[in-house]
């Protein structure tokens, strides 16, 4: 998956926004002000950070060489994914969905309701 496809898919998510809150090299995707993905624009090969359940994070790191501990993130809750590696596009999209859904499910019920998630 290339960075344009990654970006387009993240922005296709309901209420997803993008910004550069840290620097001009790290594109951050948020829903309701909460991060669900970070894309390093100057990384070769391209890498992204995605939120993940702690147990699932460990399983993914063991199973896939292109999934490692979250770089500059809480390694318990974030994985770094090499998107221009061997992982198929549909699997990377599943990981994006998982990260996005974790964030949405972590929003208050009031916010979820206001945004039409429940």
PDB file of N, CA and C in Angstrom:
ATOM      1  N   UNK A   1       0.854  -1.173   0.000  1.00  0.00           N
ATOM      2  CA  UNK A   1       0.000   0.000   0.000  1.00  0.00           C
ATOM      3  C   UNK A   1       0.896   1.230   0.000  1.00  0.00           C
ATOM      4  N   UNK A   2       0.570   2.193  -0.836  1.00  0.00           N
ATOM      5  CA  UNK A   2       1.353   3.426  -0.824  1.00  0.00           C
ATOM      6  C   UNK A   2       0.680   4.466   0.065  1.00  0.00           C
ATOM      7  N   UNK A   3       1.380   5.561   0.319  1.00  0.00           N
ATOM      8  CA  UNK A   3       0.876   6.539   1.292  1.00  0.00           C
ATOM      9  C   UNK A   3      -0.389   7.245   0.808  1.00  0.00           C
ATOM     10  N   UNK A   4      -0.559   7.405  -0.509  1.00  0.00           N
ATOM     11  CA  UNK A   4      -1.772   8.048  -1.016  1.00  0.00           C
ATOM     12  C   UNK A   4      -3.000   7.186  -0.743  1.00  0.00           C
ATOM     13  N   UNK A   5      -2.872   5.877  -0.970  1.00  0.00           N
ATOM     14  CA  UNK A   5      -3.979   4.958  -0.703  1.00  0.00           C
ATOM     15  C   UNK A   5      -4.274   4.932   0.793  1.00  0.00           C
ATOM     16  N   UNK A   6      -3.221   4.901   1.611  1.00  0.00           N
ATOM     17  CA  UNK A   6      -3.393   4.925   3.069  1.00  0.00           C
ATOM     18  C   UNK A   6      -4.143   6.180   3.486  1.00  0.00           C
ATOM     19  N   UNK A   7      -3.700   7.323   3.000  1.00  0.00           N
ATOM     20  CA  UNK A   7      -4.324   8.603   3.354  1.00  0.00           C
ATOM     21  C   UNK A   7      -5.792   8.619   2.932  1.00  0.00           C
ATOM     22  N   UNK A   8      -6.065   8.241   1.698  1.00  0.00           N
ATOM     23  CA  UNK A   8      -7.441   8.244   1.204  1.00  0.00           C
ATOM     24  C   UNK A   8      -8.336   7.333   2.038  1.00  0.00           C
ATOM     25  N   UNK A   9      -7.814   6.177   2.421  1.00  0.00           N
ATOM     26  CA  UNK A   9      -8.630   5.250   3.203  1.00  0.00           C
ATOM     27  C   UNK A   9      -8.920   5.822   4.591  1.00  0.00           C
ATOM     28  N   UNK A  10      -7.915   6.398   5.224  1.00  0.00           N
ATOM     29  CA  UNK A  10      -8.135   7.005   6.538  1.00  0.00           C
ATOM     30  C   UNK A  10      -9.176   8.120   6.451  1.00  0.00           C
ATOM     31  N   UNK A  11      -9.086   8.944   5.428  1.00  0.00           N
ATOM     32  CA  UNK A  11     -10.020  10.060   5.298  1.00  0.00           C
ATOM     33  C   UNK A  11     -11.420   9.617   4.886  1.00  0.00           C
ATOM     34  N   UNK A  12     -11.561   8.382   4.425  1.00  0.00           N
ATOM     35  CA  UNK A  12     -12.887   7.866   4.075  1.00  0.00           C
ATOM     36  C   UNK A  12     -13.685   7.480   5.322  1.00  0.00           C
ATOM     37  N   UNK A  13     -13.019   7.413   6.461  1.00  0.00           N
ATOM     38  CA  UNK A  13     -13.686   7.050   7.703  1.00  0.00           C
ATOM     39  C   UNK A  13     -14.545   8.232   8.178  1.00  0.00           C
ATOM     40  N   UNK A  14     -15.670   7.912   8.784  1.00  0.00           N
ATOM     41  CA  UNK A  14     -16.618   8.926   9.245  1.00  0.00           C
ATOM     42  C   UNK A  14     -15.959   9.895  10.228  1.00  0.00           C
ATOM     43  N   UNK A  15     -16.036  11.182   9.936  1.00  0.00           N
ATOM     44  CA  UNK A  15     -15.510  12.267  10.763  1.00  0.00           C
ATOM     45  C   UNK A  15     -13.982  12.261  10.900  1.00  0.00           C
ATOM     46  N   UNK A  16     -13.289  11.580  10.022  1.00  0.00           N
ATOM     47  CA  UNK A  16     -11.819  11.576  10.076  1.00  0.00           C
ATOM     48  C   UNK A  16     -11.281  12.913   9.584  1.00  0.00           C
ATOM     49  N   UNK A  17     -10.256  13.397  10.286  1.00  0.00           N
ATOM     50  CA  UNK A  17      -9.569  14.626   9.887  1.00  0.00           C
ATOM     51  C   UNK A  17      -8.076  14.345   9.839  1.00  0.00           C
ATOM     52  N   UNK A  18      -7.354  15.216   9.152  1.00  0.00           N
ATOM     53  CA  UNK A  18      -5.898  15.095   9.090  1.00  0.00           C
ATOM     54  C   UNK A  18      -5.277  16.431   9.475  1.00  0.00           C
ATOM     55  N   UNK A  19      -4.089  16.344  10.065  1.00  0.00           N
ATOM     56  CA  UNK A  19      -3.371  17.558  10.456  1.00  0.00           C
ATOM     57  C   UNK A  19      -1.905  17.218  10.688  1.00  0.00           C
ATOM     58  N   UNK A  20      -1.122  18.267  10.891  1.00  0.00           N
ATOM     59  CA  UNK A  20       0.302  18.135  11.205  1.00  0.00           C
ATOM     60  C   UNK A  20       0.551  18.780  12.575  1.00  0.00           C
ATOM     61  N   UNK A  21       0.072  18.194  13.663  1.00  0.00           N
ATOM     62  CA  UNK A  21       0.208  18.842  14.967  1.00  0.00           C
ATOM     63  C   UNK A  21       1.621  18.805  15.549  1.00  0.00           C
ATOM     64  N   UNK A  22       2.459  17.893  15.093  1.00  0.00           N
ATOM     65  CA  UNK A  22       3.787  17.724  15.685  1.00  0.00           C
ATOM     66  C   UNK A  22       4.892  18.357  14.846  1.00  0.00           C
ATOM     67  N   UNK A  23       4.870  18.096  13.562  1.00  0.00           N
ATOM     68  CA  UNK A  23       5.885  18.609  12.636  1.00  0.00           C
ATOM     69  C   UNK A  23       5.345  18.442  11.222  1.00  0.00           C
ATOM     70  N   UNK A  24       6.128  18.840  10.228  1.00  0.00           N
ATOM     71  CA  UNK A  24       5.672  18.765   8.835  1.00  0.00           C
ATOM     72  C   UNK A  24       5.937  17.402   8.205  1.00  0.00           C
ATOM     73  N   UNK A  25       6.440  16.457   8.991  1.00  0.00           N
ATOM     74  CA  UNK A  25       6.766  15.126   8.478  1.00  0.00           C
ATOM     75  C   UNK A  25       5.830  14.039   8.994  1.00  0.00           C
ATOM     76  N   UNK A  26       4.960  14.381   9.938  1.00  0.00           N
ATOM     77  CA  UNK A  26       4.079  13.382  10.546  1.00  0.00           C
ATOM     78  C   UNK A  26       2.626  13.805  10.372  1.00  0.00           C
ATOM     79  N   UNK A  27       1.942  13.117   9.460  1.00  0.00           N
ATOM     80  CA  UNK A  27       0.538  13.379   9.191  1.00  0.00           C
ATOM     81  C   UNK A  27      -0.297  12.565  10.179  1.00  0.00           C
ATOM     82  N   UNK A  28      -1.167  13.240  10.916  1.00  0.00           N
ATOM     83  CA  UNK A  28      -1.955  12.606  11.962  1.00  0.00           C
ATOM     84  C   UNK A  28      -3.433  12.581  11.551  1.00  0.00           C
ATOM     85  N   UNK A  29      -4.042  11.416  11.721  1.00  0.00           N
ATOM     86  CA  UNK A  29      -5.460  11.247  11.435  1.00  0.00           C
ATOM     87  C   UNK A  29      -6.196  11.087  12.754  1.00  0.00           C
ATOM     88  N   UNK A  30      -7.301  11.837  12.896  1.00  0.00           N
ATOM     89  CA  UNK A  30      -8.059  11.828  14.138  1.00  0.00           C
ATOM     90  C   UNK A  30      -9.544  11.651  13.845  1.00  0.00           C
ATOM     91  N   UNK A  31     -10.239  11.162  14.863  1.00  0.00           N
ATOM     92  CA  UNK A  31     -11.698  11.164  14.880  1.00  0.00           C
ATOM     93  C   UNK A  31     -12.099  11.766  16.215  1.00  0.00           C
ATOM     94  N   UNK A  32     -12.955  12.778  16.169  1.00  0.00           N
ATOM     95  CA  UNK A  32     -13.390  13.492  17.374  1.00  0.00           C
ATOM     96  C   UNK A  32     -12.200  13.968  18.202  1.00  0.00           C
ATOM     97  N   UNK A  33     -11.152  14.413  17.530  1.00  0.00           N
ATOM     98  CA  UNK A  33      -9.981  14.952  18.210  1.00  0.00           C
ATOM     99  C   UNK A  33      -9.029  13.929  18.783  1.00  0.00           C
ATOM    100  N   UNK A  34      -9.282  12.639  18.553  1.00  0.00           N
ATOM    101  CA  UNK A  34      -8.443  11.559  19.084  1.00  0.00           C
ATOM    102  C   UNK A  34      -7.703  10.870  17.940  1.00  0.00           C
ATOM    103  N   UNK A  35      -6.416  10.641  18.122  1.00  0.00           N
ATOM    104  CA  UNK A  35      -5.593  10.026  17.080  1.00  0.00           C
ATOM    105  C   UNK A  35      -5.927   8.551  16.880  1.00  0.00           C
ATOM    106  N   UNK A  36      -6.027   8.159  15.597  1.00  0.00           N
ATOM    107  CA  UNK A  36      -6.144   6.741  15.286  1.00  0.00           C
ATOM    108  C   UNK A  36      -5.055   6.279  14.319  1.00  0.00           C
ATOM    109  N   UNK A  37      -4.351   7.215  13.683  1.00  0.00           N
ATOM    110  CA  UNK A  37      -3.267   6.833  12.771  1.00  0.00           C
ATOM    111  C   UNK A  37      -2.285   7.985  12.617  1.00  0.00           C
ATOM    112  N   UNK A  38      -1.006   7.624  12.485  1.00  0.00           N
ATOM    113  CA  UNK A  38       0.041   8.597  12.206  1.00  0.00           C
ATOM    114  C   UNK A  38       0.864   8.060  11.046  1.00  0.00           C
ATOM    115  N   UNK A  39       1.132   8.911  10.078  1.00  0.00           N
ATOM    116  CA  UNK A  39       1.874   8.523   8.880  1.00  0.00           C
ATOM    117  C   UNK A  39       3.156   9.334   8.797  1.00  0.00           C
ATOM    118  N   UNK A  40       4.299   8.636   8.821  1.00  0.00           N
ATOM    119  CA  UNK A  40       5.587   9.305   8.676  1.00  0.00           C
ATOM    120  C   UNK A  40       5.883   9.542   7.207  1.00  0.00           C
ATOM    121  N   UNK A  41       5.881  10.800   6.790  1.00  0.00           N
ATOM    122  CA  UNK A  41       6.051  11.116   5.374  1.00  0.00           C
ATOM    123  C   UNK A  41       7.491  11.007   4.885  1.00  0.00           C
ATOM    124  N   UNK A  42       8.444  10.968   5.796  1.00  0.00           N
ATOM    125  CA  UNK A  42       9.843  10.913   5.380  1.00  0.00           C
ATOM    126  C   UNK A  42      10.484   9.548   5.640  1.00  0.00           C
ATOM    127  N   UNK A  43       9.682   8.543   5.936  1.00  0.00           N
ATOM    128  CA  UNK A  43      10.197   7.207   6.239  1.00  0.00           C
ATOM    129  C   UNK A  43      10.341   6.389   4.954  1.00  0.00           C
ATOM    130  N   UNK A  44      11.402   5.630   4.854  1.00  0.00           N
ATOM    131  CA  UNK A  44      11.582   4.693   3.747  1.00  0.00           C
ATOM    132  C   UNK A  44      12.030   3.367   4.305  1.00  0.00           C
ATOM    133  N   UNK A  45      11.259   2.288   4.164  1.00  0.00           N
ATOM    134  CA  UNK A  45       9.935   2.278   3.543  1.00  0.00           C
ATOM    135  C   UNK A  45       8.918   2.991   4.417  1.00  0.00           C
ATOM    136  N   UNK A  46       7.775   3.311   3.812  1.00  0.00           N
ATOM    137  CA  UNK A  46       6.736   4.057   4.525  1.00  0.00           C
ATOM    138  C   UNK A  46       6.203   3.268   5.707  1.00  0.00           C
ATOM    139  N   UNK A  47       6.073   3.968   6.840  1.00  0.00           N
ATOM    140  CA  UNK A  47       5.526   3.350   8.050  1.00  0.00           C
ATOM    141  C   UNK A  47       4.391   4.194   8.604  1.00  0.00           C
ATOM    142  N   UNK A  48       3.501   3.523   9.324  1.00  0.00           N
ATOM    143  CA  UNK A  48       2.400   4.198   9.991  1.00  0.00           C
ATOM    144  C   UNK A  48       2.285   3.650  11.402  1.00  0.00           C
ATOM    145  N   UNK A  49       1.740   4.439  12.293  1.00  0.00           N
ATOM    146  CA  UNK A  49       1.429   3.979  13.640  1.00  0.00           C
ATOM    147  C   UNK A  49      -0.077   3.855  13.748  1.00  0.00           C
ATOM    148  N   UNK A  50      -0.521   2.692  14.249  1.00  0.00           N
ATOM    149  CA  UNK A  50      -1.940   2.434  14.435  1.00  0.00           C
ATOM    150  C   UNK A  50      -2.190   1.941  15.850  1.00  0.00           C
ATOM    151  N   UNK A  51      -3.271   2.401  16.427  1.00  0.00           N
ATOM    152  CA  UNK A  51      -3.663   1.986  17.779  1.00  0.00           C
ATOM    153  C   UNK A  51      -4.105   0.522  17.730  1.00  0.00           C
ATOM    154  N   UNK A  52      -3.847  -0.193  18.828  1.00  0.00           N
ATOM    155  CA  UNK A  52      -4.190  -1.605  18.869  1.00  0.00           C
ATOM    156  C   UNK A  52      -4.377  -2.050  20.315  1.00  0.00           C
ATOM    157  N   UNK A  53      -5.229  -3.030  20.515  1.00  0.00           N
ATOM    158  CA  UNK A  53      -5.407  -3.675  21.806  1.00  0.00           C
ATOM    159  C   UNK A  53      -4.068  -4.299  22.223  1.00  0.00           C
ATOM    160  N   UNK A  54      -3.670  -4.197  23.492  1.00  0.00           N
ATOM    161  CA  UNK A  54      -2.361  -4.719  23.914  1.00  0.00           C
ATOM    162  C   UNK A  54      -2.113  -6.195  23.572  1.00  0.00           C
ATOM    163  N   UNK A  55      -3.084  -7.051  23.795  1.00  0.00           N
ATOM    164  CA  UNK A  55      -2.887  -8.476  23.489  1.00  0.00           C
ATOM    165  C   UNK A  55      -2.768  -8.713  21.989  1.00  0.00           C
ATOM    166  N   UNK A  56      -3.617  -8.051  21.230  1.00  0.00           N
ATOM    167  CA  UNK A  56      -3.575  -8.190  19.769  1.00  0.00           C
ATOM    168  C   UNK A  56      -2.260  -7.622  19.223  1.00  0.00           C
ATOM    169  N   UNK A  57      -1.760  -6.538  19.838  1.00  0.00           N
ATOM    170  CA  UNK A  57      -0.487  -5.946  19.409  1.00  0.00           C
ATOM    171  C   UNK A  57       0.628  -6.981  19.445  1.00  0.00           C
ATOM    172  N   UNK A  58       0.704  -7.715  20.541  1.00  0.00           N
ATOM    173  CA  UNK A  58       1.748  -8.722  20.702  1.00  0.00           C
ATOM    174  C   UNK A  58       1.580  -9.826  19.663  1.00  0.00           C
ATOM    175  N   UNK A  59       0.345 -10.286  19.469  1.00  0.00           N
ATOM    176  CA  UNK A  59       0.084 -11.337  18.482  1.00  0.00           C
ATOM    177  C   UNK A  59       0.520 -10.910  17.084  1.00  0.00           C
ATOM    178  N   UNK A  60       0.182  -9.680  16.704  1.00  0.00           N
ATOM    179  CA  UNK A  60       0.545  -9.188  15.375  1.00  0.00           C
ATOM    180  C   UNK A  60       2.055  -9.079  15.202  1.00  0.00           C
ATOM    181  N   UNK A  61       2.747  -8.617  16.242  1.00  0.00           N
ATOM    182  CA  UNK A  61       4.206  -8.480  16.164  1.00  0.00           C
ATOM    183  C   UNK A  61       4.890  -9.828  16.016  1.00  0.00           C
ATOM    184  N   UNK A  62       4.341 -10.845  16.659  1.00  0.00           N
ATOM    185  CA  UNK A  62       4.908 -12.192  16.557  1.00  0.00           C
ATOM    186  C   UNK A  62       4.636 -12.778  15.174  1.00  0.00           C
ATOM    187  N   UNK A  63       3.462 -12.525  14.663  1.00  0.00           N
ATOM    188  CA  UNK A  63       3.021 -13.147  13.419  1.00  0.00           C
ATOM    189  C   UNK A  63       3.573 -12.476  12.160  1.00  0.00           C
ATOM    190  N   UNK A  64       3.800 -11.145  12.202  1.00  0.00           N
ATOM    191  CA  UNK A  64       4.190 -10.407  10.996  1.00  0.00           C
ATOM    192  C   UNK A  64       5.470  -9.610  11.225  1.00  0.00           C
ATOM    193  N   UNK A  65       6.422  -9.764  10.333  1.00  0.00           N
ATOM    194  CA  UNK A  65       7.681  -9.014  10.420  1.00  0.00           C
ATOM    195  C   UNK A  65       7.476  -7.516  10.187  1.00  0.00           C
ATOM    196  N   UNK A  66       6.429  -7.164   9.443  1.00  0.00           N
ATOM    197  CA  UNK A  66       6.175  -5.762   9.122  1.00  0.00           C
ATOM    198  C   UNK A  66       5.331  -5.051  10.180  1.00  0.00           C
ATOM    199  N   UNK A  67       5.135  -5.694  11.329  1.00  0.00           N
ATOM    200  CA  UNK A  67       4.437  -5.075  12.460  1.00  0.00           C
ATOM    201  C   UNK A  67       5.406  -5.087  13.640  1.00  0.00           C
ATOM    202  N   UNK A  68       5.743  -3.888  14.117  1.00  0.00           N
ATOM    203  CA  UNK A  68       6.701  -3.757  15.217  1.00  0.00           C
ATOM    204  C   UNK A  68       6.122  -2.833  16.295  1.00  0.00           C
ATOM    205  N   UNK A  69       6.812  -2.739  17.412  1.00  0.00           N
ATOM    206  CA  UNK A  69       6.370  -1.840  18.483  1.00  0.00           C
ATOM    207  C   UNK A  69       6.244  -0.417  17.952  1.00  0.00           C
ATOM    208  N   UNK A  70       5.249   0.298  18.473  1.00  0.00           N
ATOM    209  CA  UNK A  70       5.006   1.663  18.038  1.00  0.00           C
ATOM    210  C   UNK A  70       6.208   2.565  18.256  1.00  0.00           C
ATOM    211  N   UNK A  71       6.718   3.145  17.186  1.00  0.00           N
ATOM    212  CA  UNK A  71       7.869   4.042  17.232  1.00  0.00           C
ATOM    213  C   UNK A  71       7.425   5.381  17.812  1.00  0.00           C
ATOM    214  N   UNK A  72       8.076   5.830  18.861  1.00  0.00           N
ATOM    215  CA  UNK A  72       7.770   7.091  19.560  1.00  0.00           C
ATOM    216  C   UNK A  72       6.352   7.112  20.132  1.00  0.00           C
ATOM    217  N   UNK A  73       5.781   5.946  20.400  1.00  0.00           N
ATOM    218  CA  UNK A  73       4.420   5.860  20.925  1.00  0.00           C
ATOM    219  C   UNK A  73       4.417   4.918  22.123  1.00  0.00           C
ATOM    220  N   UNK A  74       3.302   4.848  22.817  1.00  0.00           N
ATOM    221  CA  UNK A  74       3.133   3.877  23.885  1.00  0.00           C
ATOM    222  C   UNK A  74       3.122   2.493  23.246  1.00  0.00           C
ATOM    223  N   UNK A  75       4.176   1.732  23.453  1.00  0.00           N
ATOM    224  CA  UNK A  75       4.353   0.448  22.782  1.00  0.00           C
ATOM    225  C   UNK A  75       3.315  -0.593  23.189  1.00  0.00           C
ATOM    226  N   UNK A  76       2.628  -0.348  24.267  1.00  0.00           N
ATOM    227  CA  UNK A  76       1.571  -1.259  24.703  1.00  0.00           C
ATOM    228  C   UNK A  76       0.324  -1.101  23.828  1.00  0.00           C
ATOM    229  N   UNK A  77       0.070   0.115  23.364  1.00  0.00           N
ATOM    230  CA  UNK A  77      -1.178   0.415  22.658  1.00  0.00           C
ATOM    231  C   UNK A  77      -1.011   0.787  21.187  1.00  0.00           C
ATOM    232  N   UNK A  78       0.218   0.864  20.704  1.00  0.00           N
ATOM    233  CA  UNK A  78       0.438   1.282  19.322  1.00  0.00           C
ATOM    234  C   UNK A  78       1.432   0.342  18.631  1.00  0.00           C
ATOM    235  N   UNK A  79       1.165   0.076  17.361  1.00  0.00           N
ATOM    236  CA  UNK A  79       2.087  -0.672  16.515  1.00  0.00           C
ATOM    237  C   UNK A  79       2.547   0.208  15.370  1.00  0.00           C
ATOM    238  N   UNK A  80       3.768   0.006  14.932  1.00  0.00           N
ATOM    239  CA  UNK A  80       4.254   0.609  13.705  1.00  0.00           C
ATOM    240  C   UNK A  80       4.135  -0.451  12.618  1.00  0.00           C
ATOM    241  N   UNK A  81       3.525  -0.061  11.503  1.00  0.00           N
ATOM    242  CA  UNK A  81       3.275  -0.967  10.391  1.00  0.00           C
ATOM    243  C   UNK A  81       4.066  -0.480   9.183  1.00  0.00           C
ATOM    244  N   UNK A  82       4.836  -1.369   8.583  1.00  0.00           N
ATOM    245  CA  UNK A  82       5.530  -1.047   7.329  1.00  0.00           C
ATOM    246  C   UNK A  82       4.519  -1.287   6.219  1.00  0.00           C
ATOM    247  N   UNK A  83       3.983  -0.205   5.647  1.00  0.00           N
ATOM    248  CA  UNK A  83       2.896  -0.353   4.680  1.00  0.00           C
ATOM    249  C   UNK A  83       3.391  -0.664   3.276  1.00  0.00           C
ATOM    250  N   UNK A  84       4.649  -0.425   3.007  1.00  0.00           N
ATOM    251  CA  UNK A  84       5.194  -0.762   1.685  1.00  0.00           C
ATOM    252  C   UNK A  84       6.022  -2.033   1.760  1.00  0.00           C
ATOM    253  N   UNK A  85       5.604  -2.918   2.653  1.00  0.00           N
ATOM    254  CA  UNK A  85       6.286  -4.193   2.830  1.00  0.00           C
ATOM    255  C   UNK A  85       5.472  -5.324   2.246  1.00  0.00           C
ATOM    256  N   UNK A  86       5.401  -6.419   2.991  1.00  0.00           N
ATOM    257  CA  UNK A  86       4.758  -7.635   2.505  1.00  0.00           C
ATOM    258  C   UNK A  86       3.291  -7.777   2.905  1.00  0.00           C
ATOM    259  N   UNK A  87       2.777  -6.877   3.707  1.00  0.00           N
ATOM    260  CA  UNK A  87       1.383  -6.996   4.142  1.00  0.00           C
ATOM    261  C   UNK A  87       0.431  -6.596   3.010  1.00  0.00           C
ATOM    262  N   UNK A  88      -0.606  -7.411   2.769  1.00  0.00           N
ATOM    263  CA  UNK A  88      -1.558  -7.058   1.716  1.00  0.00           C
ATOM    264  C   UNK A  88      -2.395  -5.834   2.094  1.00  0.00           C
ATOM    265  N   UNK A  89      -2.823  -5.097   1.092  1.00  0.00           N
ATOM    266  CA  UNK A  89      -3.597  -3.879   1.298  1.00  0.00           C
ATOM    267  C   UNK A  89      -4.851  -4.138   2.129  1.00  0.00           C
ATOM    268  N   UNK A  90      -5.564  -5.214   1.856  1.00  0.00           N
ATOM    269  CA  UNK A  90      -6.802  -5.483   2.596  1.00  0.00           C
ATOM    270  C   UNK A  90      -6.519  -5.688   4.084  1.00  0.00           C
ATOM    271  N   UNK A  91      -5.371  -6.276   4.420  1.00  0.00           N
ATOM    272  CA  UNK A  91      -5.016  -6.478   5.823  1.00  0.00           C
ATOM    273  C   UNK A  91      -4.671  -5.152   6.489  1.00  0.00           C
ATOM    274  N   UNK A  92      -3.947  -4.289   5.803  1.00  0.00           N
ATOM    275  CA  UNK A  92      -3.627  -2.966   6.356  1.00  0.00           C
ATOM    276  C   UNK A  92      -4.915  -2.180   6.585  1.00  0.00           C
ATOM    277  N   UNK A  93      -5.869  -2.287   5.669  1.00  0.00           N
ATOM    278  CA  UNK A  93      -7.158  -1.618   5.855  1.00  0.00           C
ATOM    279  C   UNK A  93      -7.881  -2.163   7.089  1.00  0.00           C
ATOM    280  N   UNK A  94      -7.780  -3.460   7.329  1.00  0.00           N
ATOM    281  CA  UNK A  94      -8.381  -4.052   8.527  1.00  0.00           C
ATOM    282  C   UNK A  94      -7.735  -3.478   9.790  1.00  0.00           C
ATOM    283  N   UNK A  95      -6.416  -3.267   9.749  1.00  0.00           N
ATOM    284  CA  UNK A  95      -5.720  -2.691  10.904  1.00  0.00           C
ATOM    285  C   UNK A  95      -6.122  -1.233  11.122  1.00  0.00           C
ATOM    286  N   UNK A  96      -6.330  -0.495  10.028  1.00  0.00           N
ATOM    287  CA  UNK A  96      -6.816   0.886  10.128  1.00  0.00           C
ATOM    288  C   UNK A  96      -8.208   0.886  10.753  1.00  0.00           C
ATOM    289  N   UNK A  97      -9.075   0.005  10.247  1.00  0.00           N
ATOM    290  CA  UNK A  97     -10.440  -0.091  10.788  1.00  0.00           C
ATOM    291  C   UNK A  97     -10.401  -0.396  12.284  1.00  0.00           C
ATOM    292  N   UNK A  98      -9.546  -1.327  12.660  1.00  0.00           N
ATOM    293  CA  UNK A  98      -9.438  -1.738  14.064  1.00  0.00           C
ATOM    294  C   UNK A  98      -9.025  -0.542  14.933  1.00  0.00           C
ATOM    295  N   UNK A  99      -8.016   0.196  14.476  1.00  0.00           N
ATOM    296  CA  UNK A  99      -7.539   1.365  15.213  1.00  0.00           C
ATOM    297  C   UNK A  99      -8.639   2.415  15.332  1.00  0.00           C
ATOM    298  N   UNK A 100      -9.280   2.715  14.227  1.00  0.00           N
ATOM    299  CA  UNK A 100     -10.363   3.698  14.193  1.00  0.00           C
ATOM    300  C   UNK A 100     -11.481   3.286  15.150  1.00  0.00           C
ATOM    301  N   UNK A 101     -11.875   2.022  15.093  1.00  0.00           N
ATOM    302  CA  UNK A 101     -12.965   1.537  15.945  1.00  0.00           C
ATOM    303  C   UNK A 101     -12.592   1.565  17.425  1.00  0.00           C
ATOM    304  N   UNK A 102     -11.338   1.272  17.747  1.00  0.00           N
ATOM    305  CA  UNK A 102     -10.895   1.385  19.145  1.00  0.00           C
ATOM    306  C   UNK A 102     -11.088   2.811  19.654  1.00  0.00           C
ATOM    307  N   UNK A 103     -10.717   3.773  18.836  1.00  0.00           N
ATOM    308  CA  UNK A 103     -10.838   5.174  19.242  1.00  0.00           C
ATOM    309  C   UNK A 103     -12.303   5.562  19.368  1.00  0.00           C
ATOM    310  N   UNK A 104     -13.116   5.210  18.381  1.00  0.00           N
ATOM    311  CA  UNK A 104     -14.548   5.546  18.430  1.00  0.00           C
ATOM    312  C   UNK A 104     -15.196   4.909  19.662  1.00  0.00           C
ATOM    313  N   UNK A 105     -14.887   3.647  19.918  1.00  0.00           N
ATOM    314  CA  UNK A 105     -15.472   2.961  21.075  1.00  0.00           C
ATOM    315  C   UNK A 105     -14.992   3.536  22.400  1.00  0.00           C
ATOM    316  N   UNK A 106     -13.864   4.231  22.383  1.00  0.00           N
ATOM    317  CA  UNK A 106     -13.339   4.858  23.587  1.00  0.00           C
ATOM    318  C   UNK A 106     -13.907   6.241  23.851  1.00  0.00           C
ATOM    319  N   UNK A 107     -14.664   6.779  22.898  1.00  0.00           N
ATOM    320  CA  UNK A 107     -15.302   8.079  23.089  1.00  0.00           C
ATOM    321  C   UNK A 107     -16.432   7.944  24.101  1.00  0.00           C
ATOM    322  N   UNK A 108     -16.767   9.031  24.725  1.00  0.00           N
ATOM    323  CA  UNK A 108     -17.899   8.993  25.646  1.00  0.00           C
ATOM    324  C   UNK A 108     -19.162   8.635  24.869  1.00  0.00           C
ATOM    325  N   UNK A 109     -20.118   8.037  25.563  1.00  0.00           N
ATOM    326  CA  UNK A 109     -21.400   7.684  24.929  1.00  0.00           C
ATOM    327  C   UNK A 109     -22.080   8.936  24.368  1.00  0.00           C
ATOM    328  N   UNK A 110     -21.930  10.046  25.075  1.00  0.00           N
ATOM    329  CA  UNK A 110     -22.521  11.303  24.604  1.00  0.00           C
ATOM    330  C   UNK A 110     -21.912  11.706  23.263  1.00  0.00           C
ATOM    331  N   UNK A 111     -20.587  11.664  23.158  1.00  0.00           N
ATOM    332  CA  UNK A 111     -19.917  12.034  21.912  1.00  0.00           C
ATOM    333  C   UNK A 111     -20.274  11.048  20.804  1.00  0.00           C
ATOM    334  N   UNK A 112     -20.288   9.757  21.121  1.00  0.00           N
ATOM    335  CA  UNK A 112     -20.673   8.747  20.129  1.00  0.00           C
ATOM    336  C   UNK A 112     -22.076   9.022  19.605  1.00  0.00           C
ATOM    337  N   UNK A 113     -22.979   9.372  20.500  1.00  0.00           N
ATOM    338  CA  UNK A 113     -24.349   9.664  20.120  1.00  0.00           C
ATOM    339  C   UNK A 113     -24.444  10.934  19.263  1.00  0.00           C
ATOM    340  N   UNK A 114     -23.732  11.977  19.700  1.00  0.00           N
ATOM    341  CA  UNK A 114     -23.749  13.247  18.949  1.00  0.00           C
ATOM    342  C   UNK A 114     -23.226  13.063  17.524  1.00  0.00           C
ATOM    343  N   UNK A 115     -22.261  12.159  17.353  1.00  0.00           N
ATOM    344  CA  UNK A 115     -21.680  11.936  16.031  1.00  0.00           C
ATOM    345  C   UNK A 115     -22.416  10.864  15.233  1.00  0.00           C
ATOM    346  N   UNK A 116     -23.407  10.254  15.851  1.00  0.00           N
ATOM    347  CA  UNK A 116     -24.201   9.259  15.142  1.00  0.00           C
ATOM    348  C   UNK A 116     -23.595   7.877  15.084  1.00  0.00           C
ATOM    349  N   UNK A 117     -22.687   7.576  15.998  1.00  0.00           N
ATOM    350  CA  UNK A 117     -22.099   6.236  16.034  1.00  0.00           C
ATOM    351  C   UNK A 117     -23.010   5.245  16.768  1.00  0.00           C
ATOM    352  N   UNK A 118     -23.855   5.779  17.651  1.00  0.00           N
ATOM    353  CA  UNK A 118     -24.824   4.907  18.361  1.00  0.00           C
ATOM    354  C   UNK A 118     -26.195   5.544  18.294  1.00  0.00           C
TER     355      UNK A 118
END
